[in-house]
Amino acid sequence: MTSSNPSNSFLGTESVPAYTPTSDERTLAILSHVLTLFFWIFPPLIIYLIKKDDSKFVAEHAKESLNFQLTATIIAIILFITIIGILLVWILGILILVFVIVATVKASESKLYRYPFAFRLIK
């Protein structure tokens, strides 16, 4: 599904899918990232469950978004448990915003995107 030449950076990994996604697929991929800023893990979960058999492109983006949101939630819980972490949780919020924006841009460019530092809980 992915090309053999993915580009890596601190902001994540992008690769080209094996086929060109339709505009509807791109839209759903974009929504699976953007809507997490307002509705947490529910949009990528719903999109993944509905489209996992219909579109590999949408399923990959939704799954990646879901994994990242679960990872961010785990990290936030750990930060809230520690007293110093409560002071640092705003940094996590900024990082989440930046990574979601990057993922949204990659989805709009018809590229697959893998968030950095995300646990791959959903495979």
PDB file of N, CA and C in Angstrom:
ATOM      1  N   MET A   1       0.815  -1.193   0.000  1.00  0.00           N
ATOM      2  CA  MET A   1       0.000   0.000   0.000  1.00  0.00           C
ATOM      3  C   MET A   1       0.859   1.257   0.000  1.00  0.00           C
ATOM      4  N   THR A   2       2.021   1.236   0.594  1.00  0.00           N
ATOM      5  CA  THR A   2       2.845   2.425   0.664  1.00  0.00           C
ATOM      6  C   THR A   2       4.028   2.310  -0.267  1.00  0.00           C
ATOM      7  N   SER A   3       4.601   3.447  -0.572  1.00  0.00           N
ATOM      8  CA  SER A   3       5.778   3.442  -1.429  1.00  0.00           C
ATOM      9  C   SER A   3       6.985   3.010  -0.632  1.00  0.00           C
ATOM     10  N   SER A   4       8.056   2.689  -1.334  1.00  0.00           N
ATOM     11  CA  SER A   4       9.262   2.238  -0.657  1.00  0.00           C
ATOM     12  C   SER A   4      10.120   3.406  -0.209  1.00  0.00           C
ATOM     13  N   ASN A   5       9.703   4.631  -0.460  1.00  0.00           N
ATOM     14  CA  ASN A   5      10.503   5.790  -0.123  1.00  0.00           C
ATOM     15  C   ASN A   5       9.722   6.765   0.763  1.00  0.00           C
ATOM     16  N   PRO A   6       9.418   6.373   1.998  1.00  0.00           N
ATOM     17  CA  PRO A   6       8.711   7.300   2.873  1.00  0.00           C
ATOM     18  C   PRO A   6       9.661   8.386   3.361  1.00  0.00           C
ATOM     19  N   SER A   7       9.140   9.576   3.605  1.00  0.00           N
ATOM     20  CA  SER A   7       9.983  10.633   4.154  1.00  0.00           C
ATOM     21  C   SER A   7       9.731  10.726   5.650  1.00  0.00           C
ATOM     22  N   ASN A   8      10.809  10.835   6.414  1.00  0.00           N
ATOM     23  CA  ASN A   8      10.732  10.860   7.867  1.00  0.00           C
ATOM     24  C   ASN A   8      11.145  12.224   8.383  1.00  0.00           C
ATOM     25  N   SER A   9      10.551  12.628   9.489  1.00  0.00           N
ATOM     26  CA  SER A   9      10.956  13.844  10.169  1.00  0.00           C
ATOM     27  C   SER A   9      10.441  13.785  11.591  1.00  0.00           C
ATOM     28  N   PHE A  10      10.788  14.797  12.363  1.00  0.00           N
ATOM     29  CA  PHE A  10      10.290  14.901  13.730  1.00  0.00           C
ATOM     30  C   PHE A  10       8.767  14.978  13.739  1.00  0.00           C
ATOM     31  N   LEU A  11       8.183  15.505  12.674  1.00  0.00           N
ATOM     32  CA  LEU A  11       6.743  15.676  12.600  1.00  0.00           C
ATOM     33  C   LEU A  11       6.010  14.443  12.099  1.00  0.00           C
ATOM     34  N   GLY A  12       6.704  13.333  11.905  1.00  0.00           N
ATOM     35  CA  GLY A  12       6.045  12.108  11.485  1.00  0.00           C
ATOM     36  C   GLY A  12       6.573  11.582  10.176  1.00  0.00           C
ATOM     37  N   THR A  13       5.913  10.544   9.688  1.00  0.00           N
ATOM     38  CA  THR A  13       6.321   9.869   8.463  1.00  0.00           C
ATOM     39  C   THR A  13       5.197   9.950   7.450  1.00  0.00           C
ATOM     40  N   GLU A  14       5.549  10.295   6.231  1.00  0.00           N
ATOM     41  CA  GLU A  14       4.545  10.306   5.162  1.00  0.00           C
ATOM     42  C   GLU A  14       4.954   9.327   4.084  1.00  0.00           C
ATOM     43  N   SER A  15       3.965   8.799   3.387  1.00  0.00           N
ATOM     44  CA  SER A  15       4.229   7.921   2.255  1.00  0.00           C
ATOM     45  C   SER A  15       3.092   8.066   1.253  1.00  0.00           C
ATOM     46  N   VAL A  16       3.349   7.609   0.052  1.00  0.00           N
ATOM     47  CA  VAL A  16       2.364   7.715  -1.026  1.00  0.00           C
ATOM     48  C   VAL A  16       1.574   6.408  -1.082  1.00  0.00           C
ATOM     49  N   PRO A  17       0.250   6.488  -1.113  1.00  0.00           N
ATOM     50  CA  PRO A  17      -0.542   5.260  -1.197  1.00  0.00           C
ATOM     51  C   PRO A  17      -0.390   4.593  -2.560  1.00  0.00           C
ATOM     52  N   ALA A  18      -0.784   3.332  -2.643  1.00  0.00           N
ATOM     53  CA  ALA A  18      -0.653   2.555  -3.880  1.00  0.00           C
ATOM     54  C   ALA A  18      -1.611   3.041  -4.965  1.00  0.00           C
ATOM     55  N   TYR A  19      -2.651   3.757  -4.579  1.00  0.00           N
ATOM     56  CA  TYR A  19      -3.612   4.282  -5.551  1.00  0.00           C
ATOM     57  C   TYR A  19      -3.943   5.728  -5.179  1.00  0.00           C
ATOM     58  N   THR A  20      -4.513   6.452  -6.120  1.00  0.00           N
ATOM     59  CA  THR A  20      -4.905   7.835  -5.861  1.00  0.00           C
ATOM     60  C   THR A  20      -6.296   7.841  -5.231  1.00  0.00           C
ATOM     61  N   PRO A  21      -6.401   8.354  -4.007  1.00  0.00           N
ATOM     62  CA  PRO A  21      -7.715   8.376  -3.350  1.00  0.00           C
ATOM     63  C   PRO A  21      -8.662   9.388  -3.997  1.00  0.00           C
ATOM     64  N   THR A  22      -9.939   9.099  -3.904  1.00  0.00           N
ATOM     65  CA  THR A  22     -10.952  10.017  -4.427  1.00  0.00           C
ATOM     66  C   THR A  22     -11.077  11.221  -3.497  1.00  0.00           C
ATOM     67  N   SER A  23     -11.802  12.226  -3.941  1.00  0.00           N
ATOM     68  CA  SER A  23     -11.978  13.409  -3.089  1.00  0.00           C
ATOM     69  C   SER A  23     -12.801  13.067  -1.846  1.00  0.00           C
ATOM     70  N   ASP A  24     -13.760  12.136  -1.961  1.00  0.00           N
ATOM     71  CA  ASP A  24     -14.523  11.711  -0.782  1.00  0.00           C
ATOM     72  C   ASP A  24     -13.620  11.007   0.224  1.00  0.00           C
ATOM     73  N   GLU A  25     -12.706  10.196  -0.252  1.00  0.00           N
ATOM     74  CA  GLU A  25     -11.771   9.517   0.643  1.00  0.00           C
ATOM     75  C   GLU A  25     -10.856  10.530   1.336  1.00  0.00           C
ATOM     76  N   ARG A  26     -10.384  11.500   0.585  1.00  0.00           N
ATOM     77  CA  ARG A  26      -9.539  12.546   1.186  1.00  0.00           C
ATOM     78  C   ARG A  26     -10.316  13.318   2.247  1.00  0.00           C
ATOM     79  N   THR A  27     -11.558  13.645   1.949  1.00  0.00           N
ATOM     80  CA  THR A  27     -12.386  14.390   2.902  1.00  0.00           C
ATOM     81  C   THR A  27     -12.570  13.612   4.199  1.00  0.00           C
ATOM     82  N   LEU A  28     -12.878  12.330   4.101  1.00  0.00           N
ATOM     83  CA  LEU A  28     -13.042  11.523   5.311  1.00  0.00           C
ATOM     84  C   LEU A  28     -11.731  11.387   6.076  1.00  0.00           C
ATOM     85  N   ALA A  29     -10.622  11.268   5.362  1.00  0.00           N
ATOM     86  CA  ALA A  29      -9.310  11.196   6.016  1.00  0.00           C
ATOM     87  C   ALA A  29      -9.017  12.491   6.762  1.00  0.00           C
ATOM     88  N   ILE A  30      -9.316  13.612   6.135  1.00  0.00           N
ATOM     89  CA  ILE A  30      -9.118  14.912   6.784  1.00  0.00           C
ATOM     90  C   ILE A  30      -9.996  15.018   8.032  1.00  0.00           C
ATOM     91  N   LEU A  31     -11.251  14.636   7.907  1.00  0.00           N
ATOM     92  CA  LEU A  31     -12.170  14.714   9.040  1.00  0.00           C
ATOM     93  C   LEU A  31     -11.740  13.814  10.193  1.00  0.00           C
ATOM     94  N   SER A  32     -11.126  12.680   9.877  1.00  0.00           N
ATOM     95  CA  SER A  32     -10.690  11.778  10.948  1.00  0.00           C
ATOM     96  C   SER A  32      -9.601  12.404  11.814  1.00  0.00           C
ATOM     97  N   HIS A  33      -8.901  13.395  11.279  1.00  0.00           N
ATOM     98  CA  HIS A  33      -7.888  14.106  12.070  1.00  0.00           C
ATOM     99  C   HIS A  33      -8.469  15.362  12.717  1.00  0.00           C
ATOM    100  N   VAL A  34      -9.106  16.205  11.919  1.00  0.00           N
ATOM    101  CA  VAL A  34      -9.562  17.506  12.406  1.00  0.00           C
ATOM    102  C   VAL A  34     -10.608  17.384  13.506  1.00  0.00           C
ATOM    103  N   LEU A  35     -11.532  16.481  13.344  1.00  0.00           N
ATOM    104  CA  LEU A  35     -12.622  16.380  14.317  1.00  0.00           C
ATOM    105  C   LEU A  35     -12.161  15.907  15.691  1.00  0.00           C
ATOM    106  N   THR A  36     -10.951  15.342  15.780  1.00  0.00           N
ATOM    107  CA  THR A  36     -10.440  14.938  17.099  1.00  0.00           C
ATOM    108  C   THR A  36     -10.170  16.152  17.983  1.00  0.00           C
ATOM    109  N   LEU A  37      -9.984  17.313  17.389  1.00  0.00           N
ATOM    110  CA  LEU A  37      -9.770  18.525  18.180  1.00  0.00           C
ATOM    111  C   LEU A  37     -11.035  18.913  18.950  1.00  0.00           C
ATOM    112  N   PHE A  38     -12.190  18.444  18.488  1.00  0.00           N
ATOM    113  CA  PHE A  38     -13.453  18.802  19.116  1.00  0.00           C
ATOM    114  C   PHE A  38     -14.150  17.631  19.806  1.00  0.00           C
ATOM    115  N   PHE A  39     -13.958  16.420  19.285  1.00  0.00           N
ATOM    116  CA  PHE A  39     -14.730  15.273  19.775  1.00  0.00           C
ATOM    117  C   PHE A  39     -13.867  14.081  20.193  1.00  0.00           C
ATOM    118  N   TRP A  40     -12.598  14.301  20.487  1.00  0.00           N
ATOM    119  CA  TRP A  40     -11.672  13.315  21.017  1.00  0.00           C
ATOM    120  C   TRP A  40     -11.523  12.118  20.083  1.00  0.00           C
ATOM    121  N   ILE A  41     -11.754  10.883  20.547  1.00  0.00           N
ATOM    122  CA  ILE A  41     -11.487   9.695  19.727  1.00  0.00           C
ATOM    123  C   ILE A  41     -12.692   9.226  18.916  1.00  0.00           C
ATOM    124  N   PHE A  42     -13.831   9.846  19.119  1.00  0.00           N
ATOM    125  CA  PHE A  42     -15.044   9.326  18.499  1.00  0.00           C
ATOM    126  C   PHE A  42     -15.087   9.453  16.975  1.00  0.00           C
ATOM    127  N   PRO A  43     -14.710  10.583  16.373  1.00  0.00           N
ATOM    128  CA  PRO A  43     -14.752  10.646  14.901  1.00  0.00           C
ATOM    129  C   PRO A  43     -13.867   9.606  14.205  1.00  0.00           C
ATOM    130  N   PRO A  44     -12.581   9.455  14.591  1.00  0.00           N
ATOM    131  CA  PRO A  44     -11.802   8.441  13.870  1.00  0.00           C
ATOM    132  C   PRO A  44     -12.304   7.019  14.132  1.00  0.00           C
ATOM    133  N   LEU A  45     -12.840   6.780  15.318  1.00  0.00           N
ATOM    134  CA  LEU A  45     -13.377   5.454  15.621  1.00  0.00           C
ATOM    135  C   LEU A  45     -14.579   5.147  14.737  1.00  0.00           C
ATOM    136  N   ILE A  46     -15.497   6.087  14.627  1.00  0.00           N
ATOM    137  CA  ILE A  46     -16.694   5.889  13.798  1.00  0.00           C
ATOM    138  C   ILE A  46     -16.307   5.754  12.321  1.00  0.00           C
ATOM    139  N   ILE A  47     -15.416   6.634  11.862  1.00  0.00           N
ATOM    140  CA  ILE A  47     -14.987   6.572  10.457  1.00  0.00           C
ATOM    141  C   ILE A  47     -14.282   5.256  10.171  1.00  0.00           C
ATOM    142  N   TYR A  48     -13.435   4.819  11.091  1.00  0.00           N
ATOM    143  CA  TYR A  48     -12.718   3.554  10.895  1.00  0.00           C
ATOM    144  C   TYR A  48     -13.697   2.376  10.829  1.00  0.00           C
ATOM    145  N   LEU A  49     -14.642   2.327  11.750  1.00  0.00           N
ATOM    146  CA  LEU A  49     -15.585   1.207  11.771  1.00  0.00           C
ATOM    147  C   LEU A  49     -16.472   1.182  10.521  1.00  0.00           C
ATOM    148  N   ILE A  50     -16.819   2.351  10.008  1.00  0.00           N
ATOM    149  CA  ILE A  50     -17.684   2.411   8.829  1.00  0.00           C
ATOM    150  C   ILE A  50     -16.911   2.125   7.544  1.00  0.00           C
ATOM    151  N   LYS A  51     -15.688   2.642   7.420  1.00  0.00           N
ATOM    152  CA  LYS A  51     -14.963   2.602   6.154  1.00  0.00           C
ATOM    153  C   LYS A  51     -13.807   1.608   6.089  1.00  0.00           C
ATOM    154  N   LYS A  52     -13.578   0.821   7.130  1.00  0.00           N
ATOM    155  CA  LYS A  52     -12.394  -0.051   7.144  1.00  0.00           C
ATOM    156  C   LYS A  52     -12.379  -1.069   6.006  1.00  0.00           C
ATOM    157  N   ASP A  53     -13.529  -1.488   5.543  1.00  0.00           N
ATOM    158  CA  ASP A  53     -13.587  -2.466   4.447  1.00  0.00           C
ATOM    159  C   ASP A  53     -13.739  -1.809   3.073  1.00  0.00           C
ATOM    160  N   ASP A  54     -14.110  -0.537   3.043  1.00  0.00           N
ATOM    161  CA  ASP A  54     -14.372   0.153   1.777  1.00  0.00           C
ATOM    162  C   ASP A  54     -13.159   0.900   1.227  1.00  0.00           C
ATOM    163  N   SER A  55     -12.360   1.494   2.111  1.00  0.00           N
ATOM    164  CA  SER A  55     -11.260   2.337   1.651  1.00  0.00           C
ATOM    165  C   SER A  55     -10.035   2.157   2.543  1.00  0.00           C
ATOM    166  N   LYS A  56      -8.971   1.630   1.981  1.00  0.00           N
ATOM    167  CA  LYS A  56      -7.718   1.463   2.733  1.00  0.00           C
ATOM    168  C   LYS A  56      -7.155   2.816   3.151  1.00  0.00           C
ATOM    169  N   PHE A  57      -7.277   3.817   2.271  1.00  0.00           N
ATOM    170  CA  PHE A  57      -6.739   5.151   2.561  1.00  0.00           C
ATOM    171  C   PHE A  57      -7.429   5.755   3.779  1.00  0.00           C
ATOM    172  N   VAL A  58      -8.748   5.739   3.799  1.00  0.00           N
ATOM    173  CA  VAL A  58      -9.511   6.289   4.918  1.00  0.00           C
ATOM    174  C   VAL A  58      -9.255   5.467   6.173  1.00  0.00           C
ATOM    175  N   ALA A  59      -9.239   4.154   6.047  1.00  0.00           N
ATOM    176  CA  ALA A  59      -9.008   3.291   7.211  1.00  0.00           C
ATOM    177  C   ALA A  59      -7.647   3.552   7.842  1.00  0.00           C
ATOM    178  N   GLU A  60      -6.619   3.733   7.023  1.00  0.00           N
ATOM    179  CA  GLU A  60      -5.274   4.001   7.556  1.00  0.00           C
ATOM    180  C   GLU A  60      -5.228   5.332   8.302  1.00  0.00           C
ATOM    181  N   HIS A  61      -5.834   6.359   7.739  1.00  0.00           N
ATOM    182  CA  HIS A  61      -5.844   7.660   8.407  1.00  0.00           C
ATOM    183  C   HIS A  61      -6.655   7.613   9.694  1.00  0.00           C
ATOM    184  N   ALA A  62      -7.811   6.996   9.655  1.00  0.00           N
ATOM    185  CA  ALA A  62      -8.648   6.919  10.853  1.00  0.00           C
ATOM    186  C   ALA A  62      -7.959   6.104  11.945  1.00  0.00           C
ATOM    187  N   LYS A  63      -7.342   4.998  11.562  1.00  0.00           N
ATOM    188  CA  LYS A  63      -6.639   4.155  12.531  1.00  0.00           C
ATOM    189  C   LYS A  63      -5.459   4.904  13.144  1.00  0.00           C
ATOM    190  N   GLU A  64      -4.716   5.608  12.324  1.00  0.00           N
ATOM    191  CA  GLU A  64      -3.566   6.375  12.811  1.00  0.00           C
ATOM    192  C   GLU A  64      -4.019   7.497  13.743  1.00  0.00           C
ATOM    193  N   SER A  65      -5.085   8.181  13.389  1.00  0.00           N
ATOM    194  CA  SER A  65      -5.623   9.235  14.237  1.00  0.00           C
ATOM    195  C   SER A  65      -6.104   8.679  15.570  1.00  0.00           C
ATOM    196  N   LEU A  66      -6.785   7.562  15.515  1.00  0.00           N
ATOM    197  CA  LEU A  66      -7.270   6.911  16.733  1.00  0.00           C
ATOM    198  C   LEU A  66      -6.115   6.492  17.630  1.00  0.00           C
ATOM    199  N   ASN A  67      -5.089   5.888  17.063  1.00  0.00           N
ATOM    200  CA  ASN A  67      -3.909   5.494  17.846  1.00  0.00           C
ATOM    201  C   ASN A  67      -3.237   6.710  18.490  1.00  0.00           C
ATOM    202  N   PHE A  68      -3.132   7.807  17.747  1.00  0.00           N
ATOM    203  CA  PHE A  68      -2.491   8.995  18.299  1.00  0.00           C
ATOM    204  C   PHE A  68      -3.311   9.581  19.444  1.00  0.00           C
ATOM    205  N   GLN A  69      -4.615   9.634  19.285  1.00  0.00           N
ATOM    206  CA  GLN A  69      -5.459  10.185  20.346  1.00  0.00           C
ATOM    207  C   GLN A  69      -5.412   9.322  21.602  1.00  0.00           C
ATOM    208  N   LEU A  70      -5.376   8.006  21.432  1.00  0.00           N
ATOM    209  CA  LEU A  70      -5.243   7.119  22.589  1.00  0.00           C
ATOM    210  C   LEU A  70      -3.897   7.312  23.274  1.00  0.00           C
ATOM    211  N   THR A  71      -2.838   7.464  22.501  1.00  0.00           N
ATOM    212  CA  THR A  71      -1.504   7.717  23.053  1.00  0.00           C
ATOM    213  C   THR A  71      -1.487   9.035  23.817  1.00  0.00           C
ATOM    214  N   ALA A  72      -2.049  10.078  23.230  1.00  0.00           N
ATOM    215  CA  ALA A  72      -2.089  11.384  23.889  1.00  0.00           C
ATOM    216  C   ALA A  72      -2.890  11.319  25.188  1.00  0.00           C
ATOM    217  N   THR A  73      -3.962  10.548  25.202  1.00  0.00           N
ATOM    218  CA  THR A  73      -4.768  10.396  26.409  1.00  0.00           C
ATOM    219  C   THR A  73      -3.977   9.697  27.508  1.00  0.00           C
ATOM    220  N   ILE A  74      -3.258   8.642  27.152  1.00  0.00           N
ATOM    221  CA  ILE A  74      -2.431   7.929  28.127  1.00  0.00           C
ATOM    222  C   ILE A  74      -1.369   8.861  28.705  1.00  0.00           C
ATOM    223  N   ILE A  75      -0.710   9.635  27.847  1.00  0.00           N
ATOM    224  CA  ILE A  75       0.320  10.569  28.308  1.00  0.00           C
ATOM    225  C   ILE A  75      -0.288  11.647  29.196  1.00  0.00           C
ATOM    226  N   ALA A  76      -1.457  12.154  28.838  1.00  0.00           N
ATOM    227  CA  ALA A  76      -2.122  13.181  29.645  1.00  0.00           C
ATOM    228  C   ALA A  76      -2.477  12.641  31.026  1.00  0.00           C
ATOM    229  N   ILE A  77      -2.959  11.416  31.080  1.00  0.00           N
ATOM    230  CA  ILE A  77      -3.284  10.808  32.386  1.00  0.00           C
ATOM    231  C   ILE A  77      -2.034  10.696  33.247  1.00  0.00           C
ATOM    232  N   ILE A  78      -0.940  10.252  32.647  1.00  0.00           N
ATOM    233  CA  ILE A  78       0.317  10.141  33.390  1.00  0.00           C
ATOM    234  C   ILE A  78       0.770  11.520  33.870  1.00  0.00           C
ATOM    235  N   LEU A  79       0.643  12.538  33.025  1.00  0.00           N
ATOM    236  CA  LEU A  79       1.028  13.889  33.436  1.00  0.00           C
ATOM    237  C   LEU A  79       0.157  14.416  34.576  1.00  0.00           C
ATOM    238  N   PHE A  80      -1.135  14.135  34.523  1.00  0.00           N
ATOM    239  CA  PHE A  80      -2.020  14.601  35.586  1.00  0.00           C
ATOM    240  C   PHE A  80      -1.759  13.897  36.916  1.00  0.00           C
ATOM    241  N   ILE A  81      -1.243  12.683  36.872  1.00  0.00           N
ATOM    242  CA  ILE A  81      -0.939  11.959  38.100  1.00  0.00           C
ATOM    243  C   ILE A  81       0.230  12.611  38.846  1.00  0.00           C
ATOM    244  N   THR A  82       1.182  13.127  38.092  1.00  0.00           N
ATOM    245  CA  THR A  82       2.338  13.769  38.711  1.00  0.00           C
ATOM    246  C   THR A  82       2.063  15.258  38.889  1.00  0.00           C
ATOM    247  N   ILE A  83       2.552  15.817  39.947  1.00  0.00           N
ATOM    248  CA  ILE A  83       2.303  17.235  40.231  1.00  0.00           C
ATOM    249  C   ILE A  83       2.987  18.119  39.193  1.00  0.00           C
ATOM    250  N   ILE A  84       4.228  17.826  38.848  1.00  0.00           N
ATOM    251  CA  ILE A  84       4.934  18.638  37.855  1.00  0.00           C
ATOM    252  C   ILE A  84       4.309  18.477  36.472  1.00  0.00           C
ATOM    253  N   GLY A  85       3.716  17.305  36.222  1.00  0.00           N
ATOM    254  CA  GLY A  85       3.077  17.050  34.932  1.00  0.00           C
ATOM    255  C   GLY A  85       1.879  17.933  34.678  1.00  0.00           C
ATOM    256  N   ILE A  86       1.190  18.330  35.736  1.00  0.00           N
ATOM    257  CA  ILE A  86       0.042  19.230  35.584  1.00  0.00           C
ATOM    258  C   ILE A  86       0.494  20.548  34.971  1.00  0.00           C
ATOM    259  N   LEU A  87       1.693  20.978  35.333  1.00  0.00           N
ATOM    260  CA  LEU A  87       2.226  22.220  34.775  1.00  0.00           C
ATOM    261  C   LEU A  87       2.683  22.050  33.327  1.00  0.00           C
ATOM    262  N   LEU A  88       2.973  20.825  32.912  1.00  0.00           N
ATOM    263  CA  LEU A  88       3.499  20.565  31.570  1.00  0.00           C
ATOM    264  C   LEU A  88       2.440  20.105  30.565  1.00  0.00           C
ATOM    265  N   VAL A  89       1.233  19.871  31.008  1.00  0.00           N
ATOM    266  CA  VAL A  89       0.210  19.318  30.120  1.00  0.00           C
ATOM    267  C   VAL A  89      -0.131  20.277  28.974  1.00  0.00           C
ATOM    268  N   TRP A  90       0.072  21.561  29.144  1.00  0.00           N
ATOM    269  CA  TRP A  90      -0.208  22.514  28.064  1.00  0.00           C
ATOM    270  C   TRP A  90       0.728  22.286  26.879  1.00  0.00           C
ATOM    271  N   ILE A  91       1.963  21.820  27.152  1.00  0.00           N
ATOM    272  CA  ILE A  91       2.899  21.504  26.061  1.00  0.00           C
ATOM    273  C   ILE A  91       2.347  20.353  25.229  1.00  0.00           C
ATOM    274  N   LEU A  92       1.772  19.361  25.906  1.00  0.00           N
ATOM    275  CA  LEU A  92       1.152  18.241  25.199  1.00  0.00           C
ATOM    276  C   LEU A  92       0.026  18.736  24.295  1.00  0.00           C
ATOM    277  N   GLY A  93      -0.774  19.669  24.779  1.00  0.00           N
ATOM    278  CA  GLY A  93      -1.860  20.230  23.975  1.00  0.00           C
ATOM    279  C   GLY A  93      -1.360  20.911  22.711  1.00  0.00           C
ATOM    280  N   ILE A  94      -0.274  21.648  22.830  1.00  0.00           N
ATOM    281  CA  ILE A  94       0.314  22.320  21.661  1.00  0.00           C
ATOM    282  C   ILE A  94       0.845  21.289  20.672  1.00  0.00           C
ATOM    283  N   LEU A  95       1.529  20.263  21.176  1.00  0.00           N
ATOM    284  CA  LEU A  95       2.049  19.214  20.290  1.00  0.00           C
ATOM    285  C   LEU A  95       0.920  18.483  19.571  1.00  0.00           C
ATOM    286  N   ILE A  96      -0.144  18.196  20.281  1.00  0.00           N
ATOM    287  CA  ILE A  96      -1.291  17.530  19.656  1.00  0.00           C
ATOM    288  C   ILE A  96      -1.837  18.396  18.524  1.00  0.00           C
ATOM    289  N   LEU A  97      -1.998  19.680  18.769  1.00  0.00           N
ATOM    290  CA  LEU A  97      -2.504  20.588  17.750  1.00  0.00           C
ATOM    291  C   LEU A  97      -1.596  20.608  16.521  1.00  0.00           C
ATOM    292  N   VAL A  98      -0.292  20.694  16.728  1.00  0.00           N
ATOM    293  CA  VAL A  98       0.663  20.728  15.618  1.00  0.00           C
ATOM    294  C   VAL A  98       0.602  19.429  14.819  1.00  0.00           C
ATOM    295  N   PHE A  99       0.614  18.282  15.511  1.00  0.00           N
ATOM    296  CA  PHE A  99       0.600  17.000  14.809  1.00  0.00           C
ATOM    297  C   PHE A  99      -0.709  16.773  14.058  1.00  0.00           C
ATOM    298  N   VAL A 100      -1.820  17.214  14.621  1.00  0.00           N
ATOM    299  CA  VAL A 100      -3.108  17.071  13.932  1.00  0.00           C
ATOM    300  C   VAL A 100      -3.136  17.942  12.669  1.00  0.00           C
ATOM    301  N   ILE A 101      -2.583  19.131  12.749  1.00  0.00           N
ATOM    302  CA  ILE A 101      -2.530  20.002  11.568  1.00  0.00           C
ATOM    303  C   ILE A 101      -1.661  19.365  10.480  1.00  0.00           C
ATOM    304  N   VAL A 102      -0.502  18.836  10.867  1.00  0.00           N
ATOM    305  CA  VAL A 102       0.382  18.188   9.884  1.00  0.00           C
ATOM    306  C   VAL A 102      -0.336  16.992   9.254  1.00  0.00           C
ATOM    307  N   ALA A 103      -0.999  16.172  10.063  1.00  0.00           N
ATOM    308  CA  ALA A 103      -1.718  15.003   9.544  1.00  0.00           C
ATOM    309  C   ALA A 103      -2.836  15.420   8.591  1.00  0.00           C
ATOM    310  N   THR A 104      -3.523  16.500   8.916  1.00  0.00           N
ATOM    311  CA  THR A 104      -4.598  17.004   8.061  1.00  0.00           C
ATOM    312  C   THR A 104      -4.055  17.457   6.713  1.00  0.00           C
ATOM    313  N   VAL A 105      -2.934  18.148   6.733  1.00  0.00           N
ATOM    314  CA  VAL A 105      -2.314  18.604   5.482  1.00  0.00           C
ATOM    315  C   VAL A 105      -1.889  17.408   4.630  1.00  0.00           C
ATOM    316  N   LYS A 106      -1.281  16.401   5.264  1.00  0.00           N
ATOM    317  CA  LYS A 106      -0.848  15.210   4.516  1.00  0.00           C
ATOM    318  C   LYS A 106      -2.048  14.487   3.919  1.00  0.00           C
ATOM    319  N   ALA A 107      -3.136  14.387   4.662  1.00  0.00           N
ATOM    320  CA  ALA A 107      -4.342  13.740   4.133  1.00  0.00           C
ATOM    321  C   ALA A 107      -4.892  14.523   2.948  1.00  0.00           C
ATOM    322  N   SER A 108      -4.838  15.843   3.021  1.00  0.00           N
ATOM    323  CA  SER A 108      -5.343  16.654   1.911  1.00  0.00           C
ATOM    324  C   SER A 108      -4.446  16.546   0.679  1.00  0.00           C
ATOM    325  N   GLU A 109      -3.180  16.183   0.881  1.00  0.00           N
ATOM    326  CA  GLU A 109      -2.248  15.971  -0.229  1.00  0.00           C
ATOM    327  C   GLU A 109      -2.282  14.537  -0.748  1.00  0.00           C
ATOM    328  N   SER A 110      -3.240  13.748  -0.293  1.00  0.00           N
ATOM    329  CA  SER A 110      -3.404  12.340  -0.685  1.00  0.00           C
ATOM    330  C   SER A 110      -2.212  11.478  -0.277  1.00  0.00           C
ATOM    331  N   LYS A 111      -1.622  11.777   0.865  1.00  0.00           N
ATOM    332  CA  LYS A 111      -0.506  10.992   1.379  1.00  0.00           C
ATOM    333  C   LYS A 111      -0.929  10.289   2.657  1.00  0.00           C
ATOM    334  N   LEU A 112      -0.314   9.152   2.900  1.00  0.00           N
ATOM    335  CA  LEU A 112      -0.522   8.463   4.166  1.00  0.00           C
ATOM    336  C   LEU A 112       0.401   9.100   5.191  1.00  0.00           C
ATOM    337  N   TYR A 113      -0.014   9.161   6.437  1.00  0.00           N
ATOM    338  CA  TYR A 113       0.765   9.825   7.472  1.00  0.00           C
ATOM    339  C   TYR A 113       0.790   8.965   8.732  1.00  0.00           C
ATOM    340  N   ARG A 114       1.962   8.893   9.342  1.00  0.00           N
ATOM    341  CA  ARG A 114       2.110   8.212  10.632  1.00  0.00           C
ATOM    342  C   ARG A 114       2.606   9.219  11.650  1.00  0.00           C
ATOM    343  N   TYR A 115       1.831   9.372  12.723  1.00  0.00           N
ATOM    344  CA  TYR A 115       2.211  10.286  13.792  1.00  0.00           C
ATOM    345  C   TYR A 115       3.483   9.788  14.470  1.00  0.00           C
ATOM    346  N   PRO A 116       4.346  10.716  14.889  1.00  0.00           N
ATOM    347  CA  PRO A 116       5.515  10.292  15.670  1.00  0.00           C
ATOM    348  C   PRO A 116       5.079   9.980  17.100  1.00  0.00           C
ATOM    349  N   PHE A 117       5.801   9.126  17.750  1.00  0.00           N
ATOM    350  CA  PHE A 117       5.602   8.820  19.182  1.00  0.00           C
ATOM    351  C   PHE A 117       4.253   8.198  19.513  1.00  0.00           C
ATOM    352  N   ALA A 118       3.533   7.673  18.544  1.00  0.00           N
ATOM    353  CA  ALA A 118       2.213   7.082  18.825  1.00  0.00           C
ATOM    354  C   ALA A 118       2.351   5.576  19.023  1.00  0.00           C
ATOM    355  N   PHE A 119       1.682   5.076  20.050  1.00  0.00           N
ATOM    356  CA  PHE A 119       1.616   3.628  20.261  1.00  0.00           C
ATOM    357  C   PHE A 119       0.646   3.056  19.218  1.00  0.00           C
ATOM    358  N   ARG A 120       1.018   1.988  18.594  1.00  0.00           N
ATOM    359  CA  ARG A 120       0.164   1.355  17.588  1.00  0.00           C
ATOM    360  C   ARG A 120      -0.732   0.328  18.290  1.00  0.00           C
ATOM    361  N   LEU A 121      -1.763   0.831  18.980  1.00  0.00           N
ATOM    362  CA  LEU A 121      -2.671  -0.021  19.746  1.00  0.00           C
ATOM    363  C   LEU A 121      -3.678  -0.718  18.830  1.00  0.00           C
ATOM    364  N   ILE A 122      -4.127  -0.030  17.802  1.00  0.00           N
ATOM    365  CA  ILE A 122      -5.065  -0.577  16.823  1.00  0.00           C
ATOM    366  C   ILE A 122      -4.236  -0.911  15.579  1.00  0.00           C
ATOM    367  N   LYS A 123      -4.258  -2.160  15.169  1.00  0.00           N
ATOM    368  CA  LYS A 123      -3.413  -2.561  14.035  1.00  0.00           C
ATOM    369  C   LYS A 123      -4.222  -2.870  12.811  1.00  0.00           C
TER     370      LYS A 123
END
